[in-house]
Amino acid sequence: MSAESGGRTGLQGKLSQWLRGRRPKEAAAADDGGREALLLATASAGLPLAPAAYPTADYRCSCDRVGCPTPARHPVSFAWQTQSTTDRAQIERWARNQPQANFITATGMVHDVLDVPLEAGQEALERLHAAGVEVGPVAESDDGRLLFFTLTRGTPEDEDEWWPCELDCHPETADEHPGLRWHCRGSYVLVPPARLPGDQAVHWVRGPEHPLPDPLSLLEYLTDACARYAGQEPDPADTAWPLRR
């Protein structure tokens, strides 16, 4: 076994212990080292991070809000947009002082996230690879979603020509978009490694070392796959999809 392979295996083992949430106290430092390394790699790729809530017993959220609608999925601060950072020292402090915390990344600054049902996302990913289209970081959430990280769409000069506002996804409206969700300005997603209630997790399928692609290079594949997933063929005349940049 190569040193590189052995290193990956060791890191994955540490992360598995952390994700299970049942690690002994004496193993905390090693596990947090693996978690911290992944968070720093994500920040080094330019994705701004901020601390988020984490799951507690009985499927509850660490925020202690009665009936929290998004347990373990939301930031801990209302100022998460301005708090989000790629600063290595700050992320190290957060990771070490909040060893159970998940982390979110604020979208619409450097990157966006195209968030699709797992089955549709897996189909699209296979088609993208077959077509030779460059795919950036991809994360999988055990609750059945695949997250494609892309460059941000920014603010086009004539945004109405191609941007469908009904696809814009804010955290509080995520359930209204069962198919494709486009996280951009004012939204966020969890970044791996993250724990969800019920021993579920968010993990990388393709890590943050992959360059961020243009979102439009992925969009046709994702929308087609989502339409098939929903049991309908996409309509070429449907103006709900971007037509040009």
C-alpha atoms as a PDB file:
ATOM      1  CA  MET A   1       0.000   0.000   0.000  1.00  0.00           C
ATOM      2  CA  SER A   2       1.359   3.437  -0.944  1.00  0.00           C
ATOM      3  CA  ALA A   3       1.891   6.154   1.623  1.00  0.00           C
ATOM      4  CA  GLU A   4      -0.738   8.257  -0.146  1.00  0.00           C
ATOM      5  CA  SER A   5      -3.283   5.450  -0.008  1.00  0.00           C
ATOM      6  CA  GLY A   6      -2.523   4.760   3.607  1.00  0.00           C
ATOM      7  CA  GLY A   7      -3.001   8.424   4.442  1.00  0.00           C
ATOM      8  CA  ARG A   8      -6.404   8.521   2.779  1.00  0.00           C
ATOM      9  CA  THR A   9      -7.461   5.368   4.588  1.00  0.00           C
ATOM     10  CA  GLY A  10      -6.406   6.782   7.940  1.00  0.00           C
ATOM     11  CA  LEU A  11      -8.215  10.060   7.299  1.00  0.00           C
ATOM     12  CA  GLN A  12     -11.394   8.275   6.227  1.00  0.00           C
ATOM     13  CA  GLY A  13     -11.260   6.175   9.387  1.00  0.00           C
ATOM     14  CA  LYS A  14     -10.967   9.236  11.578  1.00  0.00           C
ATOM     15  CA  LEU A  15     -13.841  10.940   9.781  1.00  0.00           C
ATOM     16  CA  SER A  16     -16.004   7.842  10.099  1.00  0.00           C
ATOM     17  CA  GLN A  17     -15.530   7.906  13.873  1.00  0.00           C
ATOM     18  CA  TRP A  18     -16.374  11.602  14.012  1.00  0.00           C
ATOM     19  CA  LEU A  19     -19.472  11.249  11.830  1.00  0.00           C
ATOM     20  CA  ARG A  20     -20.833   8.478  14.015  1.00  0.00           C
ATOM     21  CA  GLY A  21     -20.683  10.914  16.909  1.00  0.00           C
ATOM     22  CA  ARG A  22     -19.704   8.176  19.349  1.00  0.00           C
ATOM     23  CA  ARG A  23     -15.961   8.734  19.612  1.00  0.00           C
ATOM     24  CA  PRO A  24     -14.181   8.368  22.968  1.00  0.00           C
ATOM     25  CA  LYS A  25     -12.824  11.535  24.507  1.00  0.00           C
ATOM     26  CA  GLU A  26      -9.215  10.432  24.097  1.00  0.00           C
ATOM     27  CA  ALA A  27      -9.735  10.059  20.326  1.00  0.00           C
ATOM     28  CA  ALA A  28     -11.127  13.564  19.899  1.00  0.00           C
ATOM     29  CA  ALA A  29      -7.875  15.230  18.911  1.00  0.00           C
ATOM     30  CA  ALA A  30      -7.181  12.774  16.104  1.00  0.00           C
ATOM     31  CA  ASP A  31     -10.730  12.888  14.767  1.00  0.00           C
ATOM     32  CA  ASP A  32     -10.873  16.677  14.880  1.00  0.00           C
ATOM     33  CA  GLY A  33      -7.587  16.750  12.962  1.00  0.00           C
ATOM     34  CA  GLY A  34      -9.245  14.951  10.050  1.00  0.00           C
ATOM     35  CA  ARG A  35     -12.312  17.160  10.200  1.00  0.00           C
ATOM     36  CA  GLU A  36     -10.212  20.284  10.480  1.00  0.00           C
ATOM     37  CA  ALA A  37      -8.067  19.266   7.503  1.00  0.00           C
ATOM     38  CA  LEU A  38     -11.140  18.888   5.301  1.00  0.00           C
ATOM     39  CA  LEU A  39     -12.560  22.232   6.409  1.00  0.00           C
ATOM     40  CA  LEU A  40      -9.254  23.987   5.748  1.00  0.00           C
ATOM     41  CA  ALA A  41      -9.018  22.358   2.311  1.00  0.00           C
ATOM     42  CA  THR A  42     -12.501  23.659   1.543  1.00  0.00           C
ATOM     43  CA  ALA A  43     -11.581  27.170   2.658  1.00  0.00           C
ATOM     44  CA  SER A  44      -8.322  27.007   0.685  1.00  0.00           C
ATOM     45  CA  ALA A  45     -10.411  26.349  -2.423  1.00  0.00           C
ATOM     46  CA  GLY A  46     -12.090  29.721  -1.817  1.00  0.00           C
ATOM     47  CA  LEU A  47     -15.353  28.590  -0.228  1.00  0.00           C
ATOM     48  CA  PRO A  48     -16.200  30.860   2.741  1.00  0.00           C
ATOM     49  CA  LEU A  49     -17.235  28.974   5.891  1.00  0.00           C
ATOM     50  CA  ALA A  50     -19.174  29.698   9.077  1.00  0.00           C
ATOM     51  CA  PRO A  51     -20.151  27.464  12.046  1.00  0.00           C
ATOM     52  CA  ALA A  52     -23.498  25.675  11.956  1.00  0.00           C
ATOM     53  CA  ALA A  53     -25.680  23.702  14.328  1.00  0.00           C
ATOM     54  CA  TYR A  54     -25.256  19.961  14.879  1.00  0.00           C
ATOM     55  CA  PRO A  55     -27.555  17.063  15.810  1.00  0.00           C
ATOM     56  CA  THR A  56     -28.175  16.084  19.417  1.00  0.00           C
ATOM     57  CA  ALA A  57     -30.079  13.208  20.992  1.00  0.00           C
ATOM     58  CA  ASP A  58     -33.621  12.352  19.907  1.00  0.00           C
ATOM     59  CA  TYR A  59     -33.187  13.969  16.472  1.00  0.00           C
ATOM     60  CA  ARG A  60     -32.980  17.405  18.046  1.00  0.00           C
ATOM     61  CA  CYS A  61     -30.867  20.377  17.048  1.00  0.00           C
ATOM     62  CA  SER A  62     -28.115  21.958  19.117  1.00  0.00           C
ATOM     63  CA  CYS A  63     -29.872  25.329  18.793  1.00  0.00           C
ATOM     64  CA  ASP A  64     -32.519  24.049  21.269  1.00  0.00           C
ATOM     65  CA  ARG A  65     -35.254  25.771  19.287  1.00  0.00           C
ATOM     66  CA  VAL A  66     -38.507  23.908  19.854  1.00  0.00           C
ATOM     67  CA  GLY A  67     -39.492  22.307  16.568  1.00  0.00           C
ATOM     68  CA  CYS A  68     -36.412  23.562  14.697  1.00  0.00           C
ATOM     69  CA  PRO A  69     -37.428  23.192  11.006  1.00  0.00           C
ATOM     70  CA  THR A  70     -33.875  22.502   9.782  1.00  0.00           C
ATOM     71  CA  PRO A  71     -32.092  20.631  12.593  1.00  0.00           C
ATOM     72  CA  ALA A  72     -28.291  20.628  12.267  1.00  0.00           C
ATOM     73  CA  ARG A  73     -28.519  22.431   8.903  1.00  0.00           C
ATOM     74  CA  HIS A  74     -28.427  26.124   9.776  1.00  0.00           C
ATOM     75  CA  PRO A  75     -25.759  28.626  10.887  1.00  0.00           C
ATOM     76  CA  VAL A  76     -25.402  29.427  14.571  1.00  0.00           C
ATOM     77  CA  SER A  77     -25.218  33.182  13.943  1.00  0.00           C
ATOM     78  CA  PHE A  78     -27.732  35.465  12.234  1.00  0.00           C
ATOM     79  CA  ALA A  79     -24.681  37.279  10.828  1.00  0.00           C
ATOM     80  CA  TRP A  80     -23.500  34.215   8.920  1.00  0.00           C
ATOM     81  CA  GLN A  81     -23.153  36.078   5.611  1.00  0.00           C
ATOM     82  CA  THR A  82     -20.675  38.603   6.986  1.00  0.00           C
ATOM     83  CA  GLN A  83     -19.123  36.034   9.338  1.00  0.00           C
ATOM     84  CA  SER A  84     -18.305  33.561   6.540  1.00  0.00           C
ATOM     85  CA  THR A  85     -14.590  33.507   5.814  1.00  0.00           C
ATOM     86  CA  THR A  86     -11.737  31.591   4.235  1.00  0.00           C
ATOM     87  CA  ASP A  87      -9.272  32.789   6.882  1.00  0.00           C
ATOM     88  CA  ARG A  88      -7.291  29.755   8.015  1.00  0.00           C
ATOM     89  CA  ALA A  89      -6.647  30.948  11.576  1.00  0.00           C
ATOM     90  CA  GLN A  90     -10.315  31.760  12.182  1.00  0.00           C
ATOM     91  CA  ILE A  91     -11.498  28.412  10.842  1.00  0.00           C
ATOM     92  CA  GLU A  92      -8.956  26.597  13.005  1.00  0.00           C
ATOM     93  CA  ARG A  93     -10.274  28.457  16.072  1.00  0.00           C
ATOM     94  CA  TRP A  94     -13.867  27.598  15.229  1.00  0.00           C
ATOM     95  CA  ALA A  95     -13.092  23.940  14.540  1.00  0.00           C
ATOM     96  CA  ARG A  96     -11.155  23.523  17.797  1.00  0.00           C
ATOM     97  CA  ASN A  97     -13.477  25.534  20.022  1.00  0.00           C
ATOM     98  CA  GLN A  98     -16.654  23.986  18.569  1.00  0.00           C
ATOM     99  CA  PRO A  99     -15.634  20.349  17.995  1.00  0.00           C
ATOM    100  CA  GLN A 100     -19.154  19.113  17.272  1.00  0.00           C
ATOM    101  CA  ALA A 101     -20.245  21.936  14.997  1.00  0.00           C
ATOM    102  CA  ASN A 102     -21.160  21.496  11.368  1.00  0.00           C
ATOM    103  CA  PHE A 103     -20.123  24.217   8.928  1.00  0.00           C
ATOM    104  CA  ILE A 104     -22.009  25.976   6.157  1.00  0.00           C
ATOM    105  CA  THR A 105     -20.611  27.778   3.139  1.00  0.00           C
ATOM    106  CA  ALA A 106     -22.291  30.985   2.012  1.00  0.00           C
ATOM    107  CA  THR A 107     -23.163  30.845  -1.685  1.00  0.00           C
ATOM    108  CA  GLY A 108     -23.278  33.714  -4.155  1.00  0.00           C
ATOM    109  CA  MET A 109     -19.903  35.154  -3.143  1.00  0.00           C
ATOM    110  CA  VAL A 110     -17.419  32.906  -4.947  1.00  0.00           C
ATOM    111  CA  HIS A 111     -19.536  29.906  -5.774  1.00  0.00           C
ATOM    112  CA  ASP A 112     -23.091  28.670  -6.253  1.00  0.00           C
ATOM    113  CA  VAL A 113     -24.500  25.195  -5.627  1.00  0.00           C
ATOM    114  CA  LEU A 114     -26.839  23.275  -7.908  1.00  0.00           C
ATOM    115  CA  ASP A 115     -28.731  20.976  -5.550  1.00  0.00           C
ATOM    116  CA  VAL A 116     -30.635  18.030  -7.072  1.00  0.00           C
ATOM    117  CA  PRO A 117     -32.260  14.744  -5.982  1.00  0.00           C
ATOM    118  CA  LEU A 118     -29.660  12.014  -5.555  1.00  0.00           C
ATOM    119  CA  GLU A 119     -30.954   9.722  -8.306  1.00  0.00           C
ATOM    120  CA  ALA A 120     -31.127  12.545 -10.849  1.00  0.00           C
ATOM    121  CA  GLY A 121     -27.715  13.846  -9.790  1.00  0.00           C
ATOM    122  CA  GLN A 122     -26.059  10.462 -10.176  1.00  0.00           C
ATOM    123  CA  GLU A 123     -27.511  10.072 -13.662  1.00  0.00           C
ATOM    124  CA  ALA A 124     -26.363  13.570 -14.627  1.00  0.00           C
ATOM    125  CA  LEU A 125     -22.894  12.943 -13.212  1.00  0.00           C
ATOM    126  CA  GLU A 126     -22.495   9.824 -15.367  1.00  0.00           C
ATOM    127  CA  ARG A 127     -23.617  11.729 -18.466  1.00  0.00           C
ATOM    128  CA  LEU A 128     -21.311  14.646 -17.698  1.00  0.00           C
ATOM    129  CA  HIS A 129     -18.318  12.339 -17.370  1.00  0.00           C
ATOM    130  CA  ALA A 130     -19.267  10.499 -20.579  1.00  0.00           C
ATOM    131  CA  ALA A 131     -19.506  13.821 -22.437  1.00  0.00           C
ATOM    132  CA  GLY A 132     -16.150  14.986 -21.105  1.00  0.00           C
ATOM    133  CA  VAL A 133     -17.654  17.989 -19.307  1.00  0.00           C
ATOM    134  CA  GLU A 134     -15.531  19.308 -16.447  1.00  0.00           C
ATOM    135  CA  VAL A 135     -17.261  18.766 -13.115  1.00  0.00           C
ATOM    136  CA  GLY A 136     -16.153  20.529  -9.970  1.00  0.00           C
ATOM    137  CA  PRO A 137     -16.650  19.560  -6.326  1.00  0.00           C
ATOM    138  CA  VAL A 138     -19.688  17.384  -5.624  1.00  0.00           C
ATOM    139  CA  ALA A 139     -21.086  16.539  -2.177  1.00  0.00           C
ATOM    140  CA  GLU A 140     -23.690  13.932  -1.249  1.00  0.00           C
ATOM    141  CA  SER A 141     -26.177  14.332   1.575  1.00  0.00           C
ATOM    142  CA  ASP A 142     -27.558  11.109   3.037  1.00  0.00           C
ATOM    143  CA  ASP A 143     -31.060  12.588   2.986  1.00  0.00           C
ATOM    144  CA  GLY A 144     -31.070  12.080  -0.778  1.00  0.00           C
ATOM    145  CA  ARG A 145     -29.468  15.145  -2.387  1.00  0.00           C
ATOM    146  CA  LEU A 146     -26.400  15.688  -4.576  1.00  0.00           C
ATOM    147  CA  LEU A 147     -24.734  19.116  -4.483  1.00  0.00           C
ATOM    148  CA  PHE A 148     -22.775  20.404  -7.497  1.00  0.00           C
ATOM    149  CA  PHE A 149     -20.453  23.300  -6.592  1.00  0.00           C
ATOM    150  CA  THR A 150     -19.928  25.828  -9.410  1.00  0.00           C
ATOM    151  CA  LEU A 151     -18.685  29.342 -10.001  1.00  0.00           C
ATOM    152  CA  THR A 152     -21.209  31.955  -8.960  1.00  0.00           C
ATOM    153  CA  ARG A 153     -23.458  33.355 -11.648  1.00  0.00           C
ATOM    154  CA  GLY A 154     -22.654  36.816 -10.348  1.00  0.00           C
ATOM    155  CA  THR A 155     -24.874  39.674 -11.495  1.00  0.00           C
ATOM    156  CA  PRO A 156     -25.369  39.609 -15.278  1.00  0.00           C
ATOM    157  CA  GLU A 157     -25.993  42.953 -16.998  1.00  0.00           C
ATOM    158  CA  ASP A 158     -29.370  41.758 -18.259  1.00  0.00           C
ATOM    159  CA  GLU A 159     -30.228  39.060 -15.754  1.00  0.00           C
ATOM    160  CA  ASP A 160     -33.867  38.779 -16.856  1.00  0.00           C
ATOM    161  CA  GLU A 161     -32.783  37.411 -20.238  1.00  0.00           C
ATOM    162  CA  TRP A 162     -31.778  34.085 -18.801  1.00  0.00           C
ATOM    163  CA  TRP A 163     -32.091  33.899 -15.040  1.00  0.00           C
ATOM    164  CA  PRO A 164     -35.217  32.110 -13.774  1.00  0.00           C
ATOM    165  CA  CYS A 165     -35.925  33.603 -10.358  1.00  0.00           C
ATOM    166  CA  GLU A 166     -38.158  30.657  -9.447  1.00  0.00           C
ATOM    167  CA  LEU A 167     -35.057  28.434  -9.314  1.00  0.00           C
ATOM    168  CA  ASP A 168     -33.321  30.750  -6.856  1.00  0.00           C
ATOM    169  CA  CYS A 169     -33.129  28.898  -3.548  1.00  0.00           C
ATOM    170  CA  HIS A 170     -32.984  30.428  -0.105  1.00  0.00           C
ATOM    171  CA  PRO A 171     -32.643  28.135   2.927  1.00  0.00           C
ATOM    172  CA  GLU A 172     -36.150  28.811   4.189  1.00  0.00           C
ATOM    173  CA  THR A 173     -37.668  27.942   0.787  1.00  0.00           C
ATOM    174  CA  ALA A 174     -35.657  24.790   0.041  1.00  0.00           C
ATOM    175  CA  ASP A 175     -38.657  22.492   0.457  1.00  0.00           C
ATOM    176  CA  GLU A 176     -40.452  24.412  -2.286  1.00  0.00           C
ATOM    177  CA  HIS A 177     -37.872  23.187  -4.799  1.00  0.00           C
ATOM    178  CA  PRO A 178     -38.023  19.366  -4.750  1.00  0.00           C
ATOM    179  CA  GLY A 179     -36.224  19.172  -8.102  1.00  0.00           C
ATOM    180  CA  LEU A 180     -33.384  21.519  -8.932  1.00  0.00           C
ATOM    181  CA  ARG A 181     -32.440  24.089  -6.288  1.00  0.00           C
ATOM    182  CA  TRP A 182     -29.965  26.818  -7.244  1.00  0.00           C
ATOM    183  CA  HIS A 183     -28.257  28.207  -4.145  1.00  0.00           C
ATOM    184  CA  CYS A 184     -26.826  31.641  -4.894  1.00  0.00           C
ATOM    185  CA  ARG A 185     -27.020  35.032  -3.178  1.00  0.00           C
ATOM    186  CA  GLY A 186     -28.480  34.838   0.310  1.00  0.00           C
ATOM    187  CA  SER A 187     -28.316  31.056   0.556  1.00  0.00           C
ATOM    188  CA  TYR A 188     -25.977  28.436   1.998  1.00  0.00           C
ATOM    189  CA  VAL A 189     -25.342  24.690   2.126  1.00  0.00           C
ATOM    190  CA  LEU A 190     -23.610  22.387   4.566  1.00  0.00           C
ATOM    191  CA  VAL A 191     -20.052  21.391   3.688  1.00  0.00           C
ATOM    192  CA  PRO A 192     -18.497  18.007   4.483  1.00  0.00           C
ATOM    193  CA  PRO A 193     -17.884  16.573   6.915  1.00  0.00           C
ATOM    194  CA  ALA A 194     -21.282  17.287   8.437  1.00  0.00           C
ATOM    195  CA  ARG A 195     -23.571  15.202  10.633  1.00  0.00           C
ATOM    196  CA  LEU A 196     -27.343  15.107  10.270  1.00  0.00           C
ATOM    197  CA  PRO A 197     -29.987  13.671  12.588  1.00  0.00           C
ATOM    198  CA  GLY A 198     -30.468   9.918  12.383  1.00  0.00           C
ATOM    199  CA  ASP A 199     -26.787   9.029  11.853  1.00  0.00           C
ATOM    200  CA  GLN A 200     -26.845  10.638   8.413  1.00  0.00           C
ATOM    201  CA  ALA A 201     -24.024  12.730   7.010  1.00  0.00           C
ATOM    202  CA  VAL A 202     -22.816  14.984   4.212  1.00  0.00           C
ATOM    203  CA  HIS A 203     -19.615  13.864   2.493  1.00  0.00           C
ATOM    204  CA  TRP A 204     -17.560  14.679  -0.604  1.00  0.00           C
ATOM    205  CA  VAL A 205     -18.011  12.630  -3.773  1.00  0.00           C
ATOM    206  CA  ARG A 206     -15.510  14.900  -5.555  1.00  0.00           C
ATOM    207  CA  GLY A 207     -13.413  17.029  -3.242  1.00  0.00           C
ATOM    208  CA  PRO A 208     -12.907  20.806  -3.144  1.00  0.00           C
ATOM    209  CA  GLU A 209      -9.560  20.472  -4.953  1.00  0.00           C
ATOM    210  CA  HIS A 210     -11.471  20.288  -8.261  1.00  0.00           C
ATOM    211  CA  PRO A 211     -11.842  23.684 -10.028  1.00  0.00           C
ATOM    212  CA  LEU A 212     -15.282  25.275  -9.979  1.00  0.00           C
ATOM    213  CA  PRO A 213     -17.015  25.003 -13.388  1.00  0.00           C
ATOM    214  CA  ASP A 214     -19.399  27.440 -15.076  1.00  0.00           C
ATOM    215  CA  PRO A 215     -22.904  26.541 -13.810  1.00  0.00           C
ATOM    216  CA  LEU A 216     -24.381  26.711 -17.305  1.00  0.00           C
ATOM    217  CA  SER A 217     -22.083  23.896 -18.453  1.00  0.00           C
ATOM    218  CA  LEU A 218     -23.874  21.570 -16.007  1.00  0.00           C
ATOM    219  CA  LEU A 219     -27.381  22.963 -16.047  1.00  0.00           C
ATOM    220  CA  GLU A 220     -28.781  21.216 -19.136  1.00  0.00           C
ATOM    221  CA  TYR A 221     -27.645  17.815 -17.862  1.00  0.00           C
ATOM    222  CA  LEU A 222     -29.084  18.448 -14.410  1.00  0.00           C
ATOM    223  CA  THR A 223     -32.425  19.807 -15.592  1.00  0.00           C
ATOM    224  CA  ASP A 224     -32.871  16.916 -18.049  1.00  0.00           C
ATOM    225  CA  ALA A 225     -32.091  14.378 -15.319  1.00  0.00           C
ATOM    226  CA  CYS A 226     -34.452  16.118 -12.869  1.00  0.00           C
ATOM    227  CA  ALA A 227     -37.241  16.075 -15.464  1.00  0.00           C
ATOM    228  CA  ARG A 228     -36.811  12.337 -15.967  1.00  0.00           C
ATOM    229  CA  TYR A 229     -36.665  11.861 -12.210  1.00  0.00           C
ATOM    230  CA  ALA A 230     -39.988  13.684 -11.925  1.00  0.00           C
ATOM    231  CA  GLY A 231     -41.467  11.497 -14.677  1.00  0.00           C
ATOM    232  CA  GLN A 232     -41.664  14.098 -17.399  1.00  0.00           C
ATOM    233  CA  GLU A 233     -39.552  15.040 -20.386  1.00  0.00           C
ATOM    234  CA  PRO A 234     -38.100  18.572 -20.431  1.00  0.00           C
ATOM    235  CA  ASP A 235     -39.871  21.042 -22.730  1.00  0.00           C
ATOM    236  CA  PRO A 236     -37.373  22.752 -25.099  1.00  0.00           C
ATOM    237  CA  ALA A 237     -39.667  25.784 -25.228  1.00  0.00           C
ATOM    238  CA  ASP A 238     -39.826  26.115 -21.452  1.00  0.00           C
ATOM    239  CA  THR A 239     -38.501  29.583 -20.595  1.00  0.00           C
ATOM    240  CA  ALA A 240     -37.877  28.516 -17.017  1.00  0.00           C
ATOM    241  CA  TRP A 241     -34.381  27.382 -18.099  1.00  0.00           C
ATOM    242  CA  PRO A 242     -31.499  29.745 -18.899  1.00  0.00           C
ATOM    243  CA  LEU A 243     -31.279  30.488 -22.618  1.00  0.00           C
ATOM    244  CA  ARG A 244     -27.982  32.356 -22.845  1.00  0.00           C
ATOM    245  CA  ARG A 245     -25.410  34.070 -20.717  1.00  0.00           C
END
